[in-house]
Amino acid sequence: MRKTNKRIYTEPDAIKKALHEYCIALEKRFNPICIILYGSRAKGTFTNASDIDIIVISNNFKQDFLSRIKDLIDANISSFPIEPLGYTQSEFEIMLGSYRITALDAISEGIPLFGAEYFNSLKNKLNELEKMGLYKGKTSWHIPVAAMG
């Protein structure tokens, strides 16, 4: 695992170790561009019952989305509930540009576990969308009217 955001170190050691091992397995199997921890674990609002939400961006996935998920789940050898989603680079960039909540939340609040440089480029794209009027309120994202067509 490459550079890790300091927020991850609020996690118990066993979870940090499981995430590290999971990222190594993902690197070997999928050659990811980026691995992002998002959701309650990234925001620090998790409970002991919270799962671990992960987005893996790789151009080495099978076409079928459900097969990707199965392969990503199979890569988890820990007992922790990792909930992975897998997207190609173009799929994820389209999601971000189309204001998909999963992509917006992952980039605005996520922690790059791998591929920090690419993550930062996505963060820059999100900043550009925010300059055009996109913003996150207390409960939802607000899309600028001009983007609605």
N, C-alpha and C. Protein backbone atom coordinates (compact mmCIF):
# COMPACT_ATOMS: atom_id res chain seq x y z
N MET A 1 0.85 -1.17 0.00
CA MET A 1 0.00 0.00 0.00
C MET A 1 0.89 1.23 0.00
N ARG A 2 0.54 2.18 -0.80
CA ARG A 2 1.33 3.41 -0.89
C ARG A 2 0.90 4.39 0.19
N LYS A 3 1.23 5.65 0.00
CA LYS A 3 0.92 6.66 1.00
C LYS A 3 -0.54 6.57 1.44
N THR A 4 -0.74 6.64 2.74
CA THR A 4 -2.06 6.50 3.32
C THR A 4 -2.40 7.78 4.07
N ASN A 5 -3.62 8.23 3.94
CA ASN A 5 -4.09 9.41 4.64
C ASN A 5 -4.08 9.14 6.14
N LYS A 6 -3.74 10.13 6.93
CA LYS A 6 -3.63 9.95 8.38
C LYS A 6 -4.95 9.59 9.04
N ARG A 7 -6.08 9.94 8.43
CA ARG A 7 -7.38 9.63 9.03
C ARG A 7 -7.58 8.13 9.21
N ILE A 8 -6.97 7.32 8.36
CA ILE A 8 -7.14 5.88 8.46
C ILE A 8 -6.58 5.35 9.77
N TYR A 9 -5.65 6.07 10.37
CA TYR A 9 -5.02 5.59 11.59
C TYR A 9 -5.90 5.73 12.82
N THR A 10 -7.12 6.19 12.67
CA THR A 10 -8.07 6.15 13.77
C THR A 10 -8.71 4.77 13.85
N GLU A 11 -8.46 3.92 12.85
CA GLU A 11 -9.02 2.57 12.80
C GLU A 11 -8.25 1.65 13.74
N PRO A 12 -8.91 0.62 14.25
CA PRO A 12 -8.19 -0.39 15.03
C PRO A 12 -7.12 -1.04 14.16
N ASP A 13 -6.06 -1.48 14.81
CA ASP A 13 -4.93 -2.08 14.09
C ASP A 13 -5.34 -3.23 13.20
N ALA A 14 -6.26 -4.05 13.64
CA ALA A 14 -6.67 -5.21 12.83
C ALA A 14 -7.33 -4.78 11.52
N ILE A 15 -8.11 -3.71 11.56
CA ILE A 15 -8.75 -3.23 10.34
C ILE A 15 -7.71 -2.60 9.43
N LYS A 16 -6.77 -1.84 9.99
CA LYS A 16 -5.70 -1.27 9.17
C LYS A 16 -4.92 -2.37 8.47
N LYS A 17 -4.63 -3.43 9.20
CA LYS A 17 -3.88 -4.56 8.61
C LYS A 17 -4.70 -5.22 7.51
N ALA A 18 -5.99 -5.42 7.76
CA ALA A 18 -6.86 -6.05 6.75
C ALA A 18 -6.94 -5.19 5.49
N LEU A 19 -7.04 -3.89 5.65
CA LEU A 19 -7.08 -2.99 4.49
C LEU A 19 -5.77 -3.03 3.72
N HIS A 20 -4.67 -3.06 4.45
CA HIS A 20 -3.35 -3.13 3.81
C HIS A 20 -3.24 -4.42 2.99
N GLU A 21 -3.62 -5.55 3.58
CA GLU A 21 -3.54 -6.83 2.88
C GLU A 21 -4.51 -6.87 1.69
N TYR A 22 -5.67 -6.28 1.86
CA TYR A 22 -6.65 -6.23 0.77
C TYR A 22 -6.09 -5.42 -0.40
N CYS A 23 -5.49 -4.28 -0.11
CA CYS A 23 -4.90 -3.46 -1.17
C CYS A 23 -3.79 -4.20 -1.90
N ILE A 24 -2.98 -4.95 -1.18
CA ILE A 24 -1.93 -5.75 -1.82
C ILE A 24 -2.54 -6.78 -2.75
N ALA A 25 -3.59 -7.46 -2.29
CA ALA A 25 -4.27 -8.46 -3.13
C ALA A 25 -4.87 -7.81 -4.37
N LEU A 26 -5.45 -6.63 -4.20
CA LEU A 26 -6.04 -5.92 -5.34
C LEU A 26 -4.96 -5.50 -6.34
N GLU A 27 -3.82 -5.05 -5.82
CA GLU A 27 -2.72 -4.66 -6.71
C GLU A 27 -2.28 -5.84 -7.58
N LYS A 28 -2.20 -7.01 -6.98
CA LYS A 28 -1.75 -8.20 -7.71
C LYS A 28 -2.78 -8.65 -8.74
N ARG A 29 -4.05 -8.60 -8.38
CA ARG A 29 -5.10 -9.15 -9.25
C ARG A 29 -5.62 -8.18 -10.30
N PHE A 30 -5.67 -6.89 -9.97
CA PHE A 30 -6.37 -5.95 -10.84
C PHE A 30 -5.52 -4.78 -11.33
N ASN A 31 -4.30 -4.64 -10.83
CA ASN A 31 -3.45 -3.51 -11.21
C ASN A 31 -4.25 -2.20 -11.17
N PRO A 32 -4.78 -1.84 -10.00
CA PRO A 32 -5.67 -0.68 -9.93
C PRO A 32 -4.96 0.64 -10.20
N ILE A 33 -5.75 1.58 -10.65
CA ILE A 33 -5.29 2.95 -10.81
C ILE A 33 -5.45 3.67 -9.47
N CYS A 34 -6.53 3.32 -8.76
CA CYS A 34 -6.83 3.99 -7.50
C CYS A 34 -7.72 3.08 -6.64
N ILE A 35 -7.49 3.12 -5.34
CA ILE A 35 -8.35 2.43 -4.37
C ILE A 35 -8.76 3.49 -3.35
N ILE A 36 -10.06 3.63 -3.15
CA ILE A 36 -10.59 4.69 -2.29
C ILE A 36 -11.43 4.09 -1.16
N LEU A 37 -11.10 4.47 0.07
CA LEU A 37 -11.95 4.18 1.22
C LEU A 37 -12.94 5.33 1.32
N TYR A 38 -14.23 5.02 1.38
CA TYR A 38 -15.23 6.09 1.49
C TYR A 38 -16.31 5.64 2.46
N GLY A 39 -17.31 6.45 2.65
CA GLY A 39 -18.38 6.10 3.58
C GLY A 39 -18.02 6.44 5.02
N SER A 40 -18.70 5.79 5.95
CA SER A 40 -18.55 6.14 7.36
C SER A 40 -17.14 5.93 7.90
N ARG A 41 -16.44 4.95 7.39
CA ARG A 41 -15.07 4.71 7.87
C ARG A 41 -14.13 5.84 7.44
N ALA A 42 -14.35 6.39 6.29
CA ALA A 42 -13.52 7.52 5.83
C ALA A 42 -13.89 8.81 6.55
N LYS A 43 -15.18 8.98 6.84
CA LYS A 43 -15.65 10.20 7.49
C LYS A 43 -15.43 10.18 9.00
N GLY A 44 -15.17 8.99 9.55
CA GLY A 44 -15.00 8.88 10.99
C GLY A 44 -16.31 8.78 11.75
N THR A 45 -17.39 8.43 11.05
CA THR A 45 -18.71 8.33 11.69
C THR A 45 -19.14 6.87 11.84
N PHE A 46 -18.21 5.96 11.74
CA PHE A 46 -18.52 4.53 11.77
C PHE A 46 -18.83 4.05 13.19
N THR A 47 -19.49 2.91 13.24
CA THR A 47 -19.72 2.19 14.49
C THR A 47 -19.04 0.83 14.35
N ASN A 48 -19.07 0.04 15.40
CA ASN A 48 -18.48 -1.30 15.32
C ASN A 48 -19.19 -2.17 14.30
N ALA A 49 -20.43 -1.85 13.98
CA ALA A 49 -21.20 -2.65 13.01
C ALA A 49 -21.03 -2.16 11.57
N SER A 50 -20.30 -1.07 11.37
CA SER A 50 -20.15 -0.51 10.02
C SER A 50 -19.31 -1.41 9.12
N ASP A 51 -19.71 -1.45 7.85
CA ASP A 51 -18.89 -2.15 6.87
C ASP A 51 -17.79 -1.21 6.40
N ILE A 52 -16.96 -1.70 5.49
CA ILE A 52 -15.84 -0.92 4.97
C ILE A 52 -16.09 -0.73 3.48
N ASP A 53 -16.45 0.49 3.09
CA ASP A 53 -16.78 0.79 1.70
C ASP A 53 -15.51 1.14 0.93
N ILE A 54 -15.32 0.44 -0.19
CA ILE A 54 -14.12 0.62 -1.01
C ILE A 54 -14.54 0.77 -2.47
N ILE A 55 -13.90 1.69 -3.17
CA ILE A 55 -14.03 1.79 -4.63
C ILE A 55 -12.68 1.46 -5.22
N VAL A 56 -12.69 0.56 -6.19
CA VAL A 56 -11.48 0.19 -6.91
C VAL A 56 -11.65 0.65 -8.36
N ILE A 57 -10.70 1.44 -8.82
CA ILE A 57 -10.71 1.91 -10.21
C ILE A 57 -9.58 1.20 -10.94
N SER A 58 -9.96 0.42 -11.95
CA SER A 58 -8.98 -0.37 -12.70
C SER A 58 -9.50 -0.58 -14.12
N ASN A 59 -8.60 -0.65 -15.06
CA ASN A 59 -8.99 -0.97 -16.43
C ASN A 59 -8.84 -2.45 -16.72
N ASN A 60 -8.66 -3.26 -15.68
CA ASN A 60 -8.47 -4.69 -15.83
C ASN A 60 -9.63 -5.52 -15.27
N PHE A 61 -10.82 -4.95 -15.27
CA PHE A 61 -11.99 -5.67 -14.79
C PHE A 61 -12.69 -6.40 -15.93
N LYS A 62 -13.46 -7.42 -15.54
CA LYS A 62 -14.37 -8.06 -16.48
C LYS A 62 -15.45 -7.05 -16.85
N GLN A 63 -16.08 -7.26 -17.99
CA GLN A 63 -17.14 -6.35 -18.43
C GLN A 63 -18.34 -6.38 -17.49
N ASP A 64 -18.74 -7.56 -17.06
CA ASP A 64 -19.93 -7.73 -16.24
C ASP A 64 -19.70 -7.15 -14.83
N PHE A 65 -20.53 -6.18 -14.44
CA PHE A 65 -20.36 -5.50 -13.16
C PHE A 65 -20.46 -6.46 -11.98
N LEU A 66 -21.42 -7.38 -12.01
CA LEU A 66 -21.58 -8.31 -10.89
C LEU A 66 -20.39 -9.25 -10.76
N SER A 67 -19.80 -9.63 -11.88
CA SER A 67 -18.59 -10.47 -11.83
C SER A 67 -17.44 -9.70 -11.19
N ARG A 68 -17.36 -8.42 -11.47
CA ARG A 68 -16.34 -7.58 -10.84
C ARG A 68 -16.49 -7.59 -9.33
N ILE A 69 -17.73 -7.38 -8.89
CA ILE A 69 -17.99 -7.33 -7.45
C ILE A 69 -17.61 -8.65 -6.80
N LYS A 70 -18.00 -9.75 -7.42
CA LYS A 70 -17.65 -11.06 -6.88
C LYS A 70 -16.14 -11.22 -6.78
N ASP A 71 -15.41 -10.84 -7.83
CA ASP A 71 -13.95 -10.94 -7.81
C ASP A 71 -13.34 -10.06 -6.72
N LEU A 72 -13.90 -8.87 -6.54
CA LEU A 72 -13.40 -7.97 -5.50
C LEU A 72 -13.69 -8.50 -4.10
N ILE A 73 -14.87 -9.09 -3.92
CA ILE A 73 -15.21 -9.69 -2.63
C ILE A 73 -14.31 -10.88 -2.36
N ASP A 74 -14.07 -11.70 -3.38
CA ASP A 74 -13.21 -12.87 -3.21
C ASP A 74 -11.78 -12.50 -2.83
N ALA A 75 -11.34 -11.31 -3.17
CA ALA A 75 -9.98 -10.87 -2.83
C ALA A 75 -9.82 -10.55 -1.35
N ASN A 76 -10.93 -10.42 -0.64
CA ASN A 76 -10.90 -10.12 0.80
C ASN A 76 -10.75 -11.42 1.58
N ILE A 77 -9.59 -11.63 2.18
CA ILE A 77 -9.38 -12.84 2.98
C ILE A 77 -9.57 -12.58 4.47
N SER A 78 -9.90 -11.35 4.83
CA SER A 78 -10.11 -11.01 6.24
C SER A 78 -11.54 -11.34 6.65
N SER A 79 -11.80 -11.19 7.93
CA SER A 79 -13.16 -11.40 8.44
C SER A 79 -13.96 -10.10 8.48
N PHE A 80 -13.35 -9.01 8.05
CA PHE A 80 -14.03 -7.72 8.07
C PHE A 80 -14.94 -7.56 6.86
N PRO A 81 -16.10 -6.93 7.04
CA PRO A 81 -17.07 -6.78 5.95
C PRO A 81 -16.69 -5.66 4.98
N ILE A 82 -15.88 -6.01 4.00
CA ILE A 82 -15.50 -5.04 2.97
C ILE A 82 -16.54 -5.08 1.87
N GLU A 83 -17.08 -3.91 1.54
CA GLU A 83 -18.10 -3.77 0.50
C GLU A 83 -17.49 -3.02 -0.69
N PRO A 84 -16.91 -3.75 -1.64
CA PRO A 84 -16.22 -3.09 -2.74
C PRO A 84 -17.12 -2.82 -3.95
N LEU A 85 -16.79 -1.76 -4.65
CA LEU A 85 -17.36 -1.46 -5.96
C LEU A 85 -16.19 -1.30 -6.92
N GLY A 86 -16.35 -1.79 -8.15
CA GLY A 86 -15.27 -1.70 -9.12
C GLY A 86 -15.71 -1.00 -10.39
N TYR A 87 -14.92 -0.03 -10.82
CA TYR A 87 -15.21 0.74 -12.03
C TYR A 87 -13.94 0.88 -12.87
N THR A 88 -14.13 0.98 -14.17
CA THR A 88 -12.99 1.34 -15.01
C THR A 88 -12.76 2.84 -14.85
N GLN A 89 -11.62 3.29 -15.31
CA GLN A 89 -11.29 4.70 -15.22
C GLN A 89 -12.32 5.55 -15.95
N SER A 90 -12.70 5.16 -17.14
CA SER A 90 -13.67 5.97 -17.89
C SER A 90 -15.05 5.92 -17.23
N GLU A 91 -15.45 4.76 -16.71
CA GLU A 91 -16.75 4.68 -16.02
C GLU A 91 -16.80 5.63 -14.84
N PHE A 92 -15.74 5.63 -14.04
CA PHE A 92 -15.75 6.47 -12.84
C PHE A 92 -15.73 7.96 -13.21
N GLU A 93 -14.95 8.31 -14.22
CA GLU A 93 -14.90 9.71 -14.63
C GLU A 93 -16.24 10.18 -15.19
N ILE A 94 -16.93 9.29 -15.90
CA ILE A 94 -18.28 9.62 -16.39
C ILE A 94 -19.23 9.79 -15.21
N MET A 95 -19.12 8.91 -14.21
CA MET A 95 -19.95 9.03 -13.01
C MET A 95 -19.74 10.38 -12.33
N LEU A 96 -18.49 10.77 -12.19
CA LEU A 96 -18.17 12.03 -11.53
C LEU A 96 -18.74 13.20 -12.33
N GLY A 97 -18.54 13.19 -13.64
CA GLY A 97 -19.05 14.26 -14.49
C GLY A 97 -20.56 14.28 -14.63
N SER A 98 -21.20 13.15 -14.30
CA SER A 98 -22.66 13.04 -14.36
C SER A 98 -23.31 13.23 -12.99
N TYR A 99 -22.51 13.66 -12.02
CA TYR A 99 -23.00 13.98 -10.68
C TYR A 99 -23.56 12.76 -9.94
N ARG A 100 -23.00 11.59 -10.16
CA ARG A 100 -23.44 10.39 -9.44
C ARG A 100 -22.97 10.49 -7.99
N ILE A 101 -23.90 10.28 -7.07
CA ILE A 101 -23.64 10.48 -5.65
C ILE A 101 -22.47 9.65 -5.15
N THR A 102 -22.38 8.40 -5.57
CA THR A 102 -21.30 7.54 -5.12
C THR A 102 -19.95 8.16 -5.46
N ALA A 103 -19.80 8.63 -6.69
CA ALA A 103 -18.53 9.23 -7.12
C ALA A 103 -18.27 10.55 -6.38
N LEU A 104 -19.29 11.38 -6.27
CA LEU A 104 -19.13 12.67 -5.59
C LEU A 104 -18.71 12.47 -4.13
N ASP A 105 -19.40 11.58 -3.43
CA ASP A 105 -19.06 11.32 -2.02
C ASP A 105 -17.67 10.71 -1.88
N ALA A 106 -17.34 9.77 -2.75
CA ALA A 106 -16.03 9.10 -2.66
C ALA A 106 -14.89 10.09 -2.84
N ILE A 107 -15.05 11.03 -3.75
CA ILE A 107 -13.98 11.99 -4.00
C ILE A 107 -13.98 13.11 -2.96
N SER A 108 -15.15 13.55 -2.53
CA SER A 108 -15.18 14.67 -1.57
C SER A 108 -14.78 14.24 -0.16
N GLU A 109 -15.13 13.01 0.23
CA GLU A 109 -14.90 12.59 1.62
C GLU A 109 -14.00 11.37 1.74
N GLY A 110 -13.61 10.79 0.61
CA GLY A 110 -12.85 9.56 0.63
C GLY A 110 -11.38 9.73 0.96
N ILE A 111 -10.74 8.60 1.19
CA ILE A 111 -9.32 8.54 1.49
C ILE A 111 -8.66 7.64 0.46
N PRO A 112 -7.68 8.14 -0.28
CA PRO A 112 -7.01 7.26 -1.24
C PRO A 112 -6.08 6.29 -0.51
N LEU A 113 -6.33 5.00 -0.70
CA LEU A 113 -5.45 3.98 -0.12
C LEU A 113 -4.35 3.61 -1.10
N PHE A 114 -4.59 3.90 -2.36
CA PHE A 114 -3.64 3.61 -3.44
C PHE A 114 -3.95 4.57 -4.57
N GLY A 115 -2.94 5.07 -5.24
CA GLY A 115 -3.16 5.95 -6.38
C GLY A 115 -3.52 7.37 -6.00
N ALA A 116 -2.81 7.93 -5.04
CA ALA A 116 -3.12 9.27 -4.54
C ALA A 116 -3.04 10.33 -5.64
N GLU A 117 -2.11 10.17 -6.57
CA GLU A 117 -1.97 11.17 -7.64
C GLU A 117 -3.23 11.21 -8.51
N TYR A 118 -3.73 10.03 -8.88
CA TYR A 118 -4.97 9.99 -9.68
C TYR A 118 -6.15 10.51 -8.85
N PHE A 119 -6.22 10.12 -7.58
CA PHE A 119 -7.27 10.61 -6.70
C PHE A 119 -7.26 12.14 -6.67
N ASN A 120 -6.08 12.73 -6.56
CA ASN A 120 -5.98 14.19 -6.53
C ASN A 120 -6.44 14.81 -7.83
N SER A 121 -6.23 14.13 -8.96
CA SER A 121 -6.74 14.66 -10.23
C SER A 121 -8.26 14.63 -10.25
N LEU A 122 -8.85 13.59 -9.64
CA LEU A 122 -10.31 13.54 -9.52
C LEU A 122 -10.81 14.63 -8.58
N LYS A 123 -10.07 14.87 -7.52
CA LYS A 123 -10.41 15.94 -6.58
C LYS A 123 -10.41 17.29 -7.31
N ASN A 124 -9.45 17.48 -8.21
CA ASN A 124 -9.41 18.72 -9.00
C ASN A 124 -10.63 18.84 -9.90
N LYS A 125 -11.07 17.71 -10.48
CA LYS A 125 -12.29 17.73 -11.32
C LYS A 125 -13.50 18.09 -10.48
N LEU A 126 -13.57 17.54 -9.27
CA LEU A 126 -14.68 17.87 -8.37
C LEU A 126 -14.63 19.36 -8.02
N ASN A 127 -13.46 19.89 -7.78
CA ASN A 127 -13.33 21.32 -7.49
C ASN A 127 -13.85 22.17 -8.65
N GLU A 128 -13.59 21.73 -9.88
CA GLU A 128 -14.09 22.45 -11.05
C GLU A 128 -15.62 22.40 -11.10
N LEU A 129 -16.20 21.25 -10.78
CA LEU A 129 -17.66 21.14 -10.74
C LEU A 129 -18.24 22.05 -9.66
N GLU A 130 -17.54 22.14 -8.54
CA GLU A 130 -18.00 23.03 -7.47
C GLU A 130 -17.92 24.49 -7.89
N LYS A 131 -16.92 24.84 -8.67
CA LYS A 131 -16.83 26.22 -9.19
C LYS A 131 -18.00 26.54 -10.11
N MET A 132 -18.57 25.50 -10.73
CA MET A 132 -19.72 25.69 -11.63
C MET A 132 -21.04 25.65 -10.87
N GLY A 133 -20.99 25.51 -9.54
CA GLY A 133 -22.21 25.59 -8.75
C GLY A 133 -22.60 24.34 -7.99
N LEU A 134 -21.90 23.23 -8.18
CA LEU A 134 -22.19 22.01 -7.42
C LEU A 134 -21.79 22.22 -5.97
N TYR A 135 -22.65 21.80 -5.04
CA TYR A 135 -22.26 21.83 -3.63
C TYR A 135 -23.03 20.77 -2.86
N LYS A 136 -22.45 20.40 -1.72
CA LYS A 136 -23.09 19.41 -0.86
C LYS A 136 -23.73 20.13 0.31
N GLY A 137 -25.03 19.91 0.45
CA GLY A 137 -25.74 20.45 1.59
C GLY A 137 -25.65 19.49 2.76
N LYS A 138 -26.50 19.68 3.75
CA LYS A 138 -26.47 18.81 4.93
C LYS A 138 -26.83 17.37 4.59
N THR A 139 -27.75 17.19 3.66
CA THR A 139 -28.23 15.83 3.37
C THR A 139 -28.08 15.38 1.93
N SER A 140 -27.73 16.30 1.03
CA SER A 140 -27.68 15.90 -0.38
C SER A 140 -26.78 16.84 -1.18
N TRP A 141 -26.45 16.37 -2.37
CA TRP A 141 -25.71 17.21 -3.32
C TRP A 141 -26.70 18.08 -4.08
N HIS A 142 -26.30 19.30 -4.38
CA HIS A 142 -27.12 20.23 -5.14
C HIS A 142 -26.42 20.50 -6.46
N ILE A 143 -27.09 20.12 -7.54
CA ILE A 143 -26.53 20.22 -8.88
C ILE A 143 -26.94 21.56 -9.48
N PRO A 144 -26.00 22.26 -10.11
CA PRO A 144 -26.35 23.55 -10.73
C PRO A 144 -27.40 23.37 -11.82
N VAL A 145 -28.31 24.30 -11.92
CA VAL A 145 -29.40 24.24 -12.90
C VAL A 145 -28.84 24.11 -14.32
N ALA A 146 -27.76 24.80 -14.63
CA ALA A 146 -27.17 24.74 -15.97
C ALA A 146 -26.77 23.31 -16.35
N ALA A 147 -26.43 22.50 -15.37
CA ALA A 147 -26.01 21.12 -15.64
C ALA A 147 -27.20 20.21 -15.91
N MET A 148 -28.38 20.65 -15.57
CA MET A 148 -29.57 19.82 -15.73
C MET A 148 -30.03 19.76 -17.18
N GLY A 149 -29.48 20.59 -18.04
CA GLY A 149 -29.81 20.50 -19.45
C GLY A 149 -30.68 21.61 -19.85
